[in-house]
C-alpha cells in the first residue's frame, strides 16, 4: 500500500476524530479491547447534565424513542468549581434512565459498531505486509555486524513441499518394514498442511495439540490421530483444566517427560506420520503403547534425515542464496557455516545453489556439528576433513579458510576465531538447536528463518481476514463494555454475541490451517512457538533472501506495541509500524 493511501486513511481518521475521540473509536473497532478506563475527552462533556455521545462513536440522539446512554467504562463528567462530579461505576452501570429496553439498546450498539467497522476500515486498508520484510524483536544495527553465520537446512537451503512427502513415505515404509508395524499403515498417504510447526505431542496420551505462551491448550486444536478430540474430553484428560504444568509441557530444548514440541520444519512429516499411525490403531481398535509408537516414529524419521538421501533438486531459490553470500562477502563481511548435515550432502547442495567454488565465500565451514551440544558442551574437539571428506588426525590449532571441519564446540570456536558478542549474527531455523544458546549464553545476535511467514502473510493480507479480525476485535470490545447488562433479555443478546465471536475465531483460524490455525497465535494469545521466537531471536524473516532488501548499515527497530495497561494509540501504530513496510519498495535497488 502506497504512502499516499496511508496518508489518505490517516486524514479520514482525523476527520472522524473531530466529532468523537479517535483513540476510543478506533480502539473499539480495530485495536486492543482491554478496558481503557477513564479517558480525557476533547473539551468539556456532560456539563449541566446534558446528554453525551457514547465512547463508541454514537452521536447524542435527542429523542424519547431511542435515547443514548453514556458508556460506563470510558466516560466521566468534568468537574469544575461546584459542578457535580461523576457518579460511581455502580451508579452508572445500573442507571435506570434508559427509556428503551436493554435488548434494543444492545443491538443498536451492535449495529452502530458494525457501521463504524465498515466505514473506518475500508477494504484493502490492512493489505500492508510484505513477505520480504525482516521483523525485529530487538534493535539491531547491521553496521555493527562484521561476521555472519548460517545453518544449512532451511536457512541457506529452502526445500519444496514435495520433500515432506518423500520423508513421510520413506519413514512410513521403514516403520512397517523394520519395526514390523501393520501393513495397513502403508495405506495412509501424506496429508499436506495437516500439521504445523511448533505443535506439542503428548507422548503417553498420543495427542497432537497447540499450546499458547501461558501453557494453555487451545481447545479445538487437539487431535487423536486424524480426528479432533471434543473439548469436554480434553478437560477430562487433563484433570478438569486445559492448562499444562511447566514441568510437563517441555524442557529448554522442547523435550519434556510428558510432551515433545516439534520446532523443526523437518518435523512436519514426522507429526503427520504419528497422527496417521495413531489413527490406524484407534480406528481398528488395536491396543498399543503410544510411547513406543512415538519412539519408533522418531527413530524412523531420524534415520531418513541422518541419511540425507534427498536430492538437491528439492532446493528452492538457490540463486538468491548466492546473491546474499556474494553481497556480504563483497562488503568485507566474514562468513561461516555451522551445520549438523554431513559434508557430502552440503557440498552437493551448495554446488547446485552457489557453484563449485562455494567454499571461497566462507572463512570457516563446520559440518556434523551436533547442535545444540556444539553450543553448550566443550568436550568434542574439531577434526579436519580432506577434499574427499575423509577424517584427518592432525591437531587443530586454527580454523583456516578453504578447510572443512567436523564436530568441535563453540568454546574452541570462540578461542580460535575471536568472534564474540553482538558483532556476530547467526541465522538458523530451529529456535532451540540453532539460536537459544547463542542468544542466552553467548550474546550473539540471532536471526530466525521462518518459511511459514510467506503463507501466513498472504492470509493476513486478504480482505476476508482483515474484515473478520477487525469485526472480531470490535465485537469483543462490545462484549467487554456491555457485560454489566444482566437482565434475561440482555443475557440472550450477549450469548448471541459470544456465539458469533466463536464463529469468527473459527473463520480466522481456518484461513491459516483448518486443524491448528496460525503458528503464531491461538485465538488471542501468542503460541508457545511465538513466545520462544521472541525470546531467542533478534530478527526473524521468511528466508535469508530478505537481507537483499536492506542496506548493510540498516538499523532494525522493534515496533513498540502497547502493553495491556498502556493506551493503544493508533496514530503511533500507523506511523511507526505500518510505514516500515512500503519502505522496501525504495530499497529494491539493492538487489
Protein backbone atom coordinates (compact mmCIF):
# COMPACT_ATOMS: atom_id res chain seq x y z
CA UNK A 1 0.00 0.00 0.00
CA UNK A 2 1.47 3.36 -1.00
CA UNK A 3 2.35 6.16 1.40
CA UNK A 4 -0.32 8.32 -0.24
CA UNK A 5 -3.03 5.77 0.65
CA UNK A 6 -1.85 5.70 4.25
CA UNK A 7 -1.95 9.50 4.42
CA UNK A 8 -5.46 9.50 2.95
CA UNK A 9 -6.61 6.94 5.52
CA UNK A 10 -4.96 8.91 8.33
CA UNK A 11 -6.75 12.07 7.19
CA UNK A 12 -10.08 10.24 7.18
CA UNK A 13 -9.48 9.02 10.71
CA UNK A 14 -8.57 12.53 11.83
CA UNK A 15 -11.72 13.97 10.33
CA UNK A 16 -13.70 11.38 12.28
CA UNK A 17 -11.88 12.36 15.45
CA UNK A 18 -13.24 15.93 15.28
CA UNK A 19 -16.62 14.74 16.47
CA UNK A 20 -15.59 11.72 18.53
CA UNK A 21 -12.47 10.60 20.31
CA UNK A 22 -10.29 8.97 17.65
CA UNK A 23 -8.48 6.86 20.18
CA UNK A 24 -11.68 5.37 21.55
CA UNK A 25 -13.44 4.88 18.20
CA UNK A 26 -10.55 3.09 16.63
CA UNK A 27 -9.56 1.05 19.65
CA UNK A 28 -13.08 -0.30 19.81
CA UNK A 29 -13.06 -1.33 16.16
CA UNK A 30 -9.50 -2.43 15.45
CA UNK A 31 -7.17 -2.11 18.43
CA UNK A 32 -6.86 -3.57 21.89
CA UNK A 33 -10.10 -4.49 23.60
CA UNK A 34 -8.83 -4.14 27.14
CA UNK A 35 -10.72 -1.66 29.27
CA UNK A 36 -9.08 1.70 28.84
CA UNK A 37 -10.52 3.30 31.95
CA UNK A 38 -11.44 6.97 32.17
CA UNK A 39 -10.40 8.86 29.05
CA UNK A 40 -9.95 12.58 28.67
CA UNK A 41 -12.46 13.98 26.20
CA UNK A 42 -11.83 16.81 23.73
CA UNK A 43 -13.39 19.77 25.54
CA UNK A 44 -15.93 19.54 28.34
CA UNK A 45 -18.56 16.86 28.49
CA UNK A 46 -21.91 16.47 30.22
CA UNK A 47 -21.98 19.91 31.72
CA UNK A 48 -25.39 20.94 33.07
CA UNK A 49 -26.37 17.26 32.99
CA UNK A 50 -26.73 17.24 29.22
CA UNK A 51 -26.55 14.01 27.21
CA UNK A 52 -23.27 12.88 25.71
CA UNK A 53 -22.27 10.58 22.82
CA UNK A 54 -21.04 7.15 23.76
CA UNK A 55 -17.44 6.14 23.76
CA UNK A 56 -18.07 4.01 20.68
CA UNK A 57 -18.71 6.98 18.43
CA UNK A 58 -22.51 7.18 18.75
CA UNK A 59 -23.71 10.75 18.50
CA UNK A 60 -26.25 12.07 21.02
CA UNK A 61 -29.83 11.45 19.90
CA UNK A 62 -32.44 13.90 21.26
CA UNK A 63 -35.36 11.53 21.14
CA UNK A 64 -37.59 9.81 23.67
CA UNK A 65 -37.81 6.77 21.42
CA UNK A 66 -34.12 5.75 21.27
CA UNK A 67 -32.03 7.86 23.62
CA UNK A 68 -28.34 7.16 24.05
CA UNK A 69 -26.57 6.38 27.27
CA UNK A 70 -23.04 7.21 28.28
CA UNK A 71 -20.82 4.10 28.37
CA UNK A 72 -19.79 3.42 31.98
CA UNK A 73 -16.30 2.15 31.16
CA UNK A 74 -14.95 5.13 29.28
CA UNK A 75 -16.96 8.14 30.42
CA UNK A 76 -16.53 10.81 33.05
CA UNK A 77 -18.08 14.15 33.91
CA UNK A 78 -15.76 17.11 34.01
CA UNK A 79 -15.95 18.74 37.42
CA UNK A 80 -15.04 22.36 37.93
CA UNK A 81 -15.73 24.60 40.92
CA UNK A 82 -19.09 23.45 42.36
CA UNK A 83 -20.19 21.26 39.42
CA UNK A 84 -21.48 17.78 40.13
CA UNK A 85 -18.76 15.12 39.93
CA UNK A 86 -19.18 11.88 38.03
CA UNK A 87 -21.24 9.10 39.59
CA UNK A 88 -19.58 5.92 40.77
CA UNK A 89 -19.14 2.94 38.46
CA UNK A 90 -22.01 1.05 40.06
CA UNK A 91 -24.32 4.07 39.76
CA UNK A 92 -23.52 4.38 36.08
CA UNK A 93 -23.65 0.66 35.40
CA UNK A 94 -27.14 0.22 36.77
CA UNK A 95 -28.73 3.53 35.79
CA UNK A 96 -32.49 3.49 35.22
CA UNK A 97 -32.53 6.49 32.89
CA UNK A 98 -32.91 4.39 29.71
CA UNK A 99 -36.32 4.76 28.12
CA UNK A 100 -35.91 1.63 25.97
CA UNK A 101 -35.41 -1.98 26.89
CA UNK A 102 -31.82 -3.15 27.18
CA UNK A 103 -32.14 -5.67 24.32
CA UNK A 104 -32.98 -2.91 21.83
CA UNK A 105 -30.17 -0.79 23.24
CA UNK A 106 -27.58 -3.56 22.92
CA UNK A 107 -28.48 -4.33 19.33
CA UNK A 108 -28.35 -0.63 18.47
CA UNK A 109 -24.81 -0.51 19.83
CA UNK A 110 -24.00 -3.64 17.83
CA UNK A 111 -25.30 -2.17 14.58
CA UNK A 112 -23.53 1.12 15.17
CA UNK A 113 -20.27 -0.68 15.74
CA UNK A 114 -20.69 -2.67 12.53
CA UNK A 115 -21.22 0.59 10.65
CA UNK A 116 -18.07 2.05 12.19
CA UNK A 117 -16.03 -1.02 11.24
CA UNK A 118 -17.30 -0.82 7.69
CA UNK A 119 -16.70 2.93 7.38
CA UNK A 120 -13.37 3.25 9.18
CA UNK A 121 -11.77 0.05 7.89
CA UNK A 122 -12.32 0.14 4.14
CA UNK A 123 -11.47 -3.00 2.11
CA UNK A 124 -7.77 -3.35 1.43
CA UNK A 125 -6.55 -0.96 4.12
CA UNK A 126 -4.81 -3.77 6.03
CA UNK A 127 -3.07 -5.08 2.89
CA UNK A 128 0.26 -3.75 4.11
CA UNK A 129 2.50 -6.70 4.90
CA UNK A 130 5.33 -7.58 2.55
CA UNK A 131 6.61 -11.19 2.75
CA UNK A 132 10.15 -9.89 2.23
CA UNK A 133 10.08 -7.85 5.42
CA UNK A 134 12.52 -8.54 8.26
CA UNK A 135 10.83 -8.22 11.64
CA UNK A 136 12.72 -7.08 14.73
CA UNK A 137 12.23 -8.34 18.27
CA UNK A 138 15.25 -6.34 19.36
CA UNK A 139 17.12 -3.34 17.98
CA UNK A 140 19.88 -4.46 15.60
CA UNK A 141 22.33 -2.18 13.78
CA UNK A 142 23.78 -4.09 10.82
CA UNK A 143 26.61 -1.58 10.68
CA UNK A 144 27.93 -3.18 13.88
CA UNK A 145 27.76 -6.73 12.46
CA UNK A 146 31.06 -7.91 10.97
CA UNK A 147 30.52 -11.68 10.97
CA UNK A 148 27.55 -13.58 9.52
CA UNK A 149 26.95 -17.23 10.37
CA UNK A 150 24.50 -19.70 8.85
CA UNK A 151 22.87 -23.04 9.40
CA UNK A 152 22.35 -25.04 6.19
CA UNK A 153 18.97 -26.82 6.02
CA UNK A 154 16.03 -24.39 5.80
CA UNK A 155 18.45 -21.48 6.14
CA UNK A 156 20.84 -21.44 3.20
CA UNK A 157 18.80 -24.18 1.52
CA UNK A 158 14.99 -23.96 1.39
CA UNK A 159 13.09 -27.01 0.12
CA UNK A 160 9.91 -27.61 -1.83
CA UNK A 161 6.88 -29.26 -0.23
CA UNK A 162 7.48 -32.44 -2.21
CA UNK A 163 10.39 -33.16 0.15
CA UNK A 164 7.88 -33.57 3.01
CA UNK A 165 6.07 -36.26 1.05
CA UNK A 166 9.32 -38.11 0.37
CA UNK A 167 10.40 -38.00 4.03
CA UNK A 168 6.95 -39.20 5.16
CA UNK A 169 6.82 -42.08 2.68
CA UNK A 170 10.36 -43.23 3.47
CA UNK A 171 9.84 -43.10 7.25
CA UNK A 172 6.43 -44.83 6.98
CA UNK A 173 7.88 -47.69 4.91
CA UNK A 174 10.79 -48.01 7.36
CA UNK A 175 8.29 -48.26 10.23
CA UNK A 176 6.43 -51.10 8.53
CA UNK A 177 9.45 -52.97 7.18
CA UNK A 178 11.94 -52.74 10.05
CA UNK A 179 9.67 -52.32 13.08
CA UNK A 180 7.02 -54.72 11.77
CA UNK A 181 4.12 -52.28 12.14
CA UNK A 182 0.81 -53.31 10.45
CA UNK A 183 0.73 -53.11 6.66
CA UNK A 184 -2.45 -51.06 6.94
CA UNK A 185 -0.39 -48.03 7.90
CA UNK A 186 1.13 -48.08 4.40
CA UNK A 187 -2.28 -47.11 3.01
CA UNK A 188 -2.07 -43.72 4.72
CA UNK A 189 -0.71 -41.18 2.25
CA UNK A 190 0.92 -37.96 3.30
CA UNK A 191 -1.56 -35.18 4.12
CA UNK A 192 -0.16 -31.78 3.13
CA UNK A 193 -0.94 -28.93 5.52
CA UNK A 194 -2.27 -31.20 8.26
CA UNK A 195 0.40 -30.47 10.87
CA UNK A 196 2.13 -27.19 11.63
CA UNK A 197 5.44 -26.30 13.22
CA UNK A 198 5.51 -25.61 16.96
CA UNK A 199 2.85 -28.16 17.98
CA UNK A 200 3.14 -30.26 21.14
CA UNK A 201 2.69 -34.02 21.29
CA UNK A 202 1.55 -35.73 24.48
CA UNK A 203 3.65 -38.88 24.33
CA UNK A 204 1.59 -41.06 26.67
CA UNK A 205 -1.85 -39.96 25.50
CA UNK A 206 -0.97 -39.88 21.81
CA UNK A 207 -2.40 -36.37 21.33
CA UNK A 208 -1.17 -33.64 18.99
CA UNK A 209 -2.12 -30.11 20.03
CA UNK A 210 -1.32 -26.40 20.01
CA UNK A 211 -0.35 -24.72 23.29
CA UNK A 212 -0.19 -20.99 23.92
CA UNK A 213 2.50 -18.94 25.62
CA UNK A 214 0.79 -19.39 29.01
CA UNK A 215 0.80 -23.21 28.75
CA UNK A 216 -2.91 -23.47 27.91
CA UNK A 217 -4.10 -25.93 25.31
CA UNK A 218 -6.09 -24.22 22.57
CA UNK A 219 -9.37 -26.10 22.59
CA UNK A 220 -10.39 -27.21 19.13
CA UNK A 221 -6.79 -27.99 18.15
CA UNK A 222 -6.33 -31.33 19.94
CA UNK A 223 -6.11 -34.39 17.67
CA UNK A 224 -6.02 -38.09 18.43
CA UNK A 225 -4.77 -39.47 15.19
CA UNK A 226 -6.57 -37.60 12.43
CA UNK A 227 -9.71 -36.92 14.46
CA UNK A 228 -10.32 -33.89 16.70
CA UNK A 229 -10.87 -34.53 20.40
CA UNK A 230 -14.01 -32.86 21.84
CA UNK A 231 -13.35 -30.06 24.32
CA UNK A 232 -15.07 -31.83 27.22
CA UNK A 233 -12.88 -34.89 26.70
CA UNK A 234 -9.73 -32.75 26.69
CA UNK A 235 -10.76 -31.29 30.04
CA UNK A 236 -11.36 -34.77 31.43
CA UNK A 237 -7.97 -36.00 30.22
CA UNK A 238 -6.17 -33.10 31.89
CA UNK A 239 -7.96 -33.12 35.23
CA UNK A 240 -10.66 -30.55 34.52
CA UNK A 241 -8.35 -27.91 33.05
CA UNK A 242 -6.67 -27.22 29.73
CA UNK A 243 -3.53 -25.90 31.41
CA UNK A 244 -0.34 -27.98 31.15
CA UNK A 245 2.08 -27.54 34.08
CA UNK A 246 5.56 -26.19 33.39
CA UNK A 247 7.30 -29.41 34.39
CA UNK A 248 5.28 -31.35 31.82
CA UNK A 249 4.99 -29.06 28.80
CA UNK A 250 8.63 -29.26 27.62
CA UNK A 251 12.18 -28.66 28.69
CA UNK A 252 14.59 -26.00 27.48
CA UNK A 253 15.12 -27.76 24.16
CA UNK A 254 11.46 -28.65 23.66
CA UNK A 255 11.63 -32.12 25.21
CA UNK A 256 9.82 -32.81 28.45
CA UNK A 257 8.97 -36.03 30.27
CA UNK A 258 5.38 -35.89 29.07
CA UNK A 259 5.43 -33.74 25.92
CA UNK A 260 7.61 -33.03 22.91
CA UNK A 261 7.45 -29.77 20.99
CA UNK A 262 8.18 -30.03 17.27
CA UNK A 263 10.19 -26.93 16.33
CA UNK A 264 11.97 -28.17 13.19
CA UNK A 265 10.48 -27.69 9.73
CA UNK A 266 11.60 -31.26 9.03
CA UNK A 267 9.34 -32.46 11.87
CA UNK A 268 6.11 -31.76 9.95
CA UNK A 269 6.13 -35.13 8.12
CA UNK A 270 7.06 -36.80 11.43
CA UNK A 271 3.98 -35.32 13.12
CA UNK A 272 1.82 -36.43 10.19
CA UNK A 273 3.15 -39.99 10.43
CA UNK A 274 2.45 -40.05 14.17
CA UNK A 275 -1.11 -38.92 13.51
CA UNK A 276 -1.60 -41.50 10.74
CA UNK A 277 -0.27 -44.41 12.83
CA UNK A 278 -2.36 -43.37 15.85
CA UNK A 279 -5.40 -43.12 13.60
CA UNK A 280 -4.86 -46.64 12.25
CA UNK A 281 -4.67 -48.20 15.72
CA UNK A 282 -7.63 -46.22 17.07
CA UNK A 283 -9.84 -46.84 14.02
CA UNK A 284 -9.20 -50.58 14.18
CA UNK A 285 -9.48 -50.89 18.00
CA UNK A 286 -5.93 -52.22 18.26
CA UNK A 287 -4.32 -51.85 21.66
CA UNK A 288 -0.86 -50.27 21.51
CA UNK A 289 1.58 -48.24 23.58
CA UNK A 290 1.67 -44.59 22.39
CA UNK A 291 5.12 -44.19 23.98
CA UNK A 292 6.57 -46.97 21.84
CA UNK A 293 4.95 -45.52 18.74
CA UNK A 294 6.44 -42.09 19.41
CA UNK A 295 9.92 -43.53 19.83
CA UNK A 296 9.71 -45.72 16.74
CA UNK A 297 8.40 -42.93 14.50
CA UNK A 298 11.10 -40.58 15.79
CA UNK A 299 13.82 -43.13 15.03
CA UNK A 300 12.39 -43.79 11.56
CA UNK A 301 12.24 -40.10 10.69
CA UNK A 302 15.69 -39.51 12.18
CA UNK A 303 17.21 -42.23 10.02
CA UNK A 304 15.77 -40.60 6.92
CA UNK A 305 17.16 -37.20 7.85
CA UNK A 306 20.51 -38.55 9.02
CA UNK A 307 20.94 -40.40 5.74
CA UNK A 308 20.23 -37.19 3.78
CA UNK A 309 19.08 -39.30 0.82
CA UNK A 310 17.04 -36.48 -0.70
CA UNK A 311 18.22 -34.74 -3.85
CA UNK A 312 19.39 -31.16 -4.24
CA UNK A 313 16.59 -30.86 -6.82
CA UNK A 314 14.19 -30.22 -3.92
CA UNK A 315 16.01 -26.94 -3.21
CA UNK A 316 14.22 -23.65 -3.90
CA UNK A 317 15.65 -20.21 -4.80
CA UNK A 318 19.31 -21.14 -4.91
CA UNK A 319 20.13 -18.03 -6.93
CA UNK A 320 19.06 -15.82 -4.02
CA UNK A 321 21.34 -17.74 -1.66
CA UNK A 322 24.22 -16.93 -3.99
CA UNK A 323 23.16 -13.27 -4.12
CA UNK A 324 23.15 -12.99 -0.30
CA UNK A 325 26.57 -14.60 0.15
CA UNK A 326 28.11 -12.62 -2.69
CA UNK A 327 26.79 -9.33 -1.35
CA UNK A 328 28.03 -9.96 2.18
CA UNK A 329 31.47 -11.13 1.06
CA UNK A 330 31.88 -8.22 -1.38
CA UNK A 331 31.28 -5.82 1.51
CA UNK A 332 34.09 -7.37 3.51
CA UNK A 333 31.96 -9.39 5.94
CA UNK A 334 33.30 -12.62 7.45
CA UNK A 335 31.10 -15.67 6.77
CA UNK A 336 30.91 -19.06 8.44
CA UNK A 337 28.74 -22.20 8.26
CA UNK A 338 27.83 -24.44 11.20
CA UNK A 339 25.51 -27.31 10.28
CA UNK A 340 24.56 -30.77 11.51
CA UNK A 341 24.46 -32.09 7.95
CA UNK A 342 27.34 -34.18 6.54
CA UNK A 343 29.85 -32.64 4.15
CA UNK A 344 28.88 -34.70 1.08
CA UNK A 345 25.26 -33.55 1.38
CA UNK A 346 26.15 -29.89 1.96
CA UNK A 347 28.71 -29.93 -0.84
CA UNK A 348 26.18 -31.14 -3.43
CA UNK A 349 23.57 -28.61 -2.37
CA UNK A 350 25.96 -25.65 -2.23
CA UNK A 351 27.43 -26.51 -5.64
CA UNK A 352 23.89 -26.54 -7.02
CA UNK A 353 22.98 -23.18 -5.44
CA UNK A 354 26.26 -21.25 -5.42
CA UNK A 355 28.73 -23.06 -7.69
CA UNK A 356 31.73 -25.33 -7.36
CA UNK A 357 33.77 -22.63 -5.62
CA UNK A 358 31.17 -22.11 -2.86
CA UNK A 359 33.78 -22.59 -0.12
CA UNK A 360 35.51 -19.38 -1.21
CA UNK A 361 32.66 -17.41 0.37
CA UNK A 362 33.22 -18.88 3.85
CA UNK A 363 36.02 -18.23 6.30
CA UNK A 364 35.05 -21.28 8.40
CA UNK A 365 32.96 -24.35 7.46
CA UNK A 366 31.87 -26.82 10.16
CA UNK A 367 29.78 -29.92 9.36
CA UNK A 368 28.19 -32.60 11.59
CA UNK A 369 28.42 -30.11 14.45
CA UNK A 370 25.90 -31.93 16.66
CA UNK A 371 23.93 -28.82 17.61
CA UNK A 372 22.72 -27.88 20.20
CA UNK A 373 25.53 -29.71 22.05
CA UNK A 374 28.03 -27.80 19.90
CA UNK A 375 26.96 -24.60 21.65
CA UNK A 376 26.95 -25.81 25.26
CA UNK A 377 29.47 -28.65 25.54
CA UNK A 378 33.23 -28.27 25.25
CA UNK A 379 34.03 -31.99 25.09
CA UNK A 380 34.34 -32.62 21.34
CA UNK A 381 37.46 -31.34 19.53
CA UNK A 382 37.50 -30.21 15.91
CA UNK A 383 38.66 -32.62 13.23
CA UNK A 384 39.65 -31.64 9.72
CA UNK A 385 38.33 -33.34 6.57
CA UNK A 386 40.34 -33.68 3.36
CA UNK A 387 38.97 -32.88 -0.09
CA UNK A 388 37.23 -36.27 -0.26
CA UNK A 389 35.54 -35.84 3.11
CA UNK A 390 37.85 -38.25 4.97
CA UNK A 391 38.86 -37.51 8.57
CA UNK A 392 42.40 -36.29 9.29
CA UNK A 393 44.32 -36.93 12.50
CA UNK A 394 46.23 -33.63 12.93
CA UNK A 395 45.66 -31.35 15.92
CA UNK A 396 43.59 -28.27 15.08
CA UNK A 397 45.41 -25.08 16.08
CA UNK A 398 43.48 -22.70 13.81
CA UNK A 399 40.32 -22.64 11.69
CA UNK A 400 41.50 -21.82 8.18
CA UNK A 401 39.61 -20.66 5.13
CA UNK A 402 39.10 -23.32 2.49
CA UNK A 403 39.20 -26.18 5.02
CA UNK A 404 36.31 -28.33 6.23
CA UNK A 405 35.96 -29.15 9.93
CA UNK A 406 33.80 -31.72 11.68
CA UNK A 407 32.24 -31.67 15.19
CA UNK A 408 34.08 -29.35 17.59
CA UNK A 409 32.48 -26.96 20.05
CA UNK A 410 31.70 -23.28 20.35
CA UNK A 411 34.22 -22.66 23.13
CA UNK A 412 37.11 -23.70 20.89
CA UNK A 413 35.48 -21.83 18.02
CA UNK A 414 35.49 -18.59 20.03
CA UNK A 415 39.06 -19.15 21.19
CA UNK A 416 40.37 -19.80 17.68
CA UNK A 417 38.45 -17.06 15.87
CA UNK A 418 37.96 -14.36 18.49
CA UNK A 419 34.47 -13.73 17.09
CA UNK A 420 32.33 -12.70 20.03
CA UNK A 421 29.29 -10.74 21.08
CA UNK A 422 26.96 -8.56 19.04
CA UNK A 423 29.27 -8.24 16.06
CA UNK A 424 28.23 -11.81 15.16
CA UNK A 425 24.81 -12.51 13.60
CA UNK A 426 23.84 -16.17 13.18
CA UNK A 427 20.85 -17.41 11.16
CA UNK A 428 19.00 -20.69 11.70
CA UNK A 429 15.52 -22.19 11.51
CA UNK A 430 15.47 -24.22 14.75
CA UNK A 431 14.80 -21.93 17.71
CA UNK A 432 16.27 -24.34 20.25
CA UNK A 433 19.12 -26.06 18.43
CA UNK A 434 20.31 -23.06 16.42
CA UNK A 435 19.51 -19.91 18.39
CA UNK A 436 18.67 -20.36 22.08
CA UNK A 437 22.17 -20.89 23.48
CA UNK A 438 23.71 -18.24 21.24
CA UNK A 439 21.20 -15.65 22.42
CA UNK A 440 21.11 -16.54 26.12
CA UNK A 441 24.63 -17.81 26.84
CA UNK A 442 26.94 -16.15 24.36
CA UNK A 443 25.40 -12.79 23.42
CA UNK A 444 25.43 -13.29 19.65
CA UNK A 445 22.80 -11.66 17.52
CA UNK A 446 20.37 -14.21 16.09
CA UNK A 447 18.08 -14.33 13.08
CA UNK A 448 15.29 -16.91 12.82
CA UNK A 449 14.29 -18.23 9.41
CA UNK A 450 10.53 -18.87 9.40
CA UNK A 451 9.43 -20.04 5.92
CA UNK A 452 5.79 -20.15 7.08
CA UNK A 453 5.78 -16.34 7.12
CA UNK A 454 5.22 -16.25 3.36
CA UNK A 455 1.97 -18.22 3.54
CA UNK A 456 0.73 -16.51 6.68
CA UNK A 457 1.46 -13.07 5.23
CA UNK A 458 -0.68 -13.86 2.20
CA UNK A 459 -3.54 -14.81 4.51
CA UNK A 460 -3.20 -11.68 6.66
CA UNK A 461 -3.26 -9.55 3.51
CA UNK A 462 -6.64 -10.90 2.36
CA UNK A 463 -9.75 -8.78 2.70
CA UNK A 464 -11.59 -11.66 4.39
CA UNK A 465 -9.02 -11.88 7.17
CA UNK A 466 -8.81 -8.11 7.66
CA UNK A 467 -12.56 -7.70 7.92
CA UNK A 468 -13.08 -10.80 10.06
CA UNK A 469 -10.35 -9.92 12.53
CA UNK A 470 -11.40 -6.28 12.80
CA UNK A 471 -15.01 -7.20 13.50
CA UNK A 472 -13.86 -9.91 15.93
CA UNK A 473 -11.91 -7.29 17.89
CA UNK A 474 -14.79 -4.83 17.80
CA UNK A 475 -17.30 -7.47 18.93
CA UNK A 476 -15.01 -8.46 21.79
CA UNK A 477 -14.88 -4.83 22.82
CA UNK A 478 -18.69 -4.68 22.82
CA UNK A 479 -18.89 -7.79 24.99
CA UNK A 480 -16.45 -6.29 27.47
CA UNK A 481 -18.30 -2.98 27.72
CA UNK A 482 -21.84 -4.32 27.72
CA UNK A 483 -21.42 -7.23 30.13
CA UNK A 484 -22.89 -5.19 33.02
CA UNK A 485 -26.37 -5.69 31.48
CA UNK A 486 -27.50 -8.80 33.34
CA UNK A 487 -31.25 -8.99 32.82
CA UNK A 488 -32.57 -12.06 31.00
CA UNK A 489 -33.04 -10.42 27.58
CA UNK A 490 -29.58 -8.84 27.71
CA UNK A 491 -28.01 -12.17 28.58
CA UNK A 492 -29.63 -13.68 25.49
CA UNK A 493 -28.11 -10.95 23.34
CA UNK A 494 -24.69 -11.42 24.92
CA UNK A 495 -24.90 -15.15 24.32
CA UNK A 496 -25.64 -14.47 20.65
CA UNK A 497 -22.57 -12.26 20.52
CA UNK A 498 -20.41 -14.90 22.21
CA UNK A 499 -21.59 -17.46 19.68
CA UNK A 500 -20.74 -15.12 16.82
CA UNK A 501 -17.34 -14.47 18.41
CA UNK A 502 -16.58 -18.20 18.43
CA UNK A 503 -17.62 -18.46 14.78
CA UNK A 504 -15.33 -15.56 13.86
CA UNK A 505 -12.47 -17.22 15.73
CA UNK A 506 -13.04 -20.39 13.71
CA UNK A 507 -13.08 -18.41 10.46
CA UNK A 508 -9.78 -16.66 11.17
CA UNK A 509 -8.19 -19.91 12.37
CA UNK A 510 -9.25 -21.90 9.31
CA UNK A 511 -7.79 -19.32 6.93
CA UNK A 512 -4.34 -20.44 8.10
CA UNK A 513 -4.83 -24.14 8.81
CA UNK A 514 -8.22 -25.82 9.41
CA UNK A 515 -6.74 -28.09 12.09
CA UNK A 516 -4.36 -25.90 14.07
CA UNK A 517 -4.60 -22.35 12.74
CA UNK A 518 -1.66 -19.90 12.71
CA UNK A 519 1.69 -21.00 14.11
CA UNK A 520 1.99 -17.59 15.80
CA UNK A 521 -1.36 -17.23 17.63
CA UNK A 522 -4.09 -19.14 19.36
CA UNK A 523 -7.47 -17.38 19.49
CA UNK A 524 -5.93 -14.29 21.08
CA UNK A 525 -2.65 -15.25 22.77
CA UNK A 526 0.78 -15.83 21.24
CA UNK A 527 1.57 -19.51 20.80
CA UNK A 528 4.28 -21.33 22.70
CA UNK A 529 6.27 -21.20 19.43
CA UNK A 530 5.71 -17.46 19.05
CA UNK A 531 6.89 -16.70 22.58
CA UNK A 532 10.10 -18.68 22.00
CA UNK A 533 10.58 -16.90 18.69
CA UNK A 534 10.52 -13.55 20.51
CA UNK A 535 12.81 -14.78 23.25
CA UNK A 536 15.51 -16.45 21.15
CA UNK A 537 15.73 -14.27 18.01
CA UNK A 538 16.63 -10.63 17.50
CA UNK A 539 15.27 -10.75 13.94
CA UNK A 540 13.01 -13.12 12.04
CA UNK A 541 12.14 -13.44 8.36
CA UNK A 542 10.81 -15.86 5.75
CA UNK A 543 14.24 -16.51 4.18
CA UNK A 544 17.76 -15.11 4.16
CA UNK A 545 16.95 -13.54 0.78
CA UNK A 546 15.07 -10.87 2.76
CA UNK A 547 18.51 -9.42 3.55
CA UNK A 548 18.68 -8.27 -0.07
CA UNK A 549 16.04 -5.64 0.69
CA UNK A 550 18.16 -3.80 3.25
CA UNK A 551 21.36 -1.82 3.24
CA UNK A 552 24.15 -3.39 5.30
CA UNK A 553 24.21 -0.33 7.55
CA UNK A 554 20.46 -0.54 8.16
CA UNK A 555 19.18 -0.43 11.74
CA UNK A 556 16.15 -2.57 12.64
CA UNK A 557 13.89 -1.04 15.26
CA UNK A 558 11.30 -3.22 17.04
CA UNK A 559 7.75 -1.96 16.81
CA UNK A 560 6.51 -0.55 20.09
CA UNK A 561 3.32 -2.45 20.79
CA UNK A 562 1.26 -1.29 23.77
CA UNK A 563 1.16 -3.28 26.96
CA UNK A 564 -2.26 -4.05 28.37
CA UNK A 565 -2.12 -1.05 30.72
CA UNK A 566 -0.88 1.36 28.04
CA UNK A 567 -3.01 3.42 25.66
CA UNK A 568 -3.06 1.76 22.22
CA UNK A 569 -2.50 4.91 20.17
CA UNK A 570 -3.48 4.03 16.61
CA UNK A 571 -1.73 7.03 15.05
CA UNK A 572 1.52 5.98 16.72
CA UNK A 573 1.00 2.43 15.43
CA UNK A 574 0.28 3.69 11.94
CA UNK A 575 3.37 5.85 11.74
CA UNK A 576 5.93 3.58 13.40
CA UNK A 577 4.63 0.17 12.41
CA UNK A 578 2.95 0.03 9.04
CA UNK A 579 5.08 2.74 7.47
CA UNK A 580 8.11 0.48 7.65
CA UNK A 581 6.83 -1.96 5.06
CA UNK A 582 6.38 0.31 1.99
CA UNK A 583 9.99 1.40 2.60
CA UNK A 584 11.01 -1.90 0.99
CA UNK A 585 9.93 -0.54 -2.38
CA UNK A 586 12.52 2.19 -2.06
CA UNK A 587 15.18 -0.36 -1.12
CA UNK A 588 14.54 -2.62 -4.13
CA UNK A 589 17.56 -1.24 -6.00
CA UNK A 590 19.87 -3.05 -3.58
CA UNK A 591 19.06 -6.37 -5.22
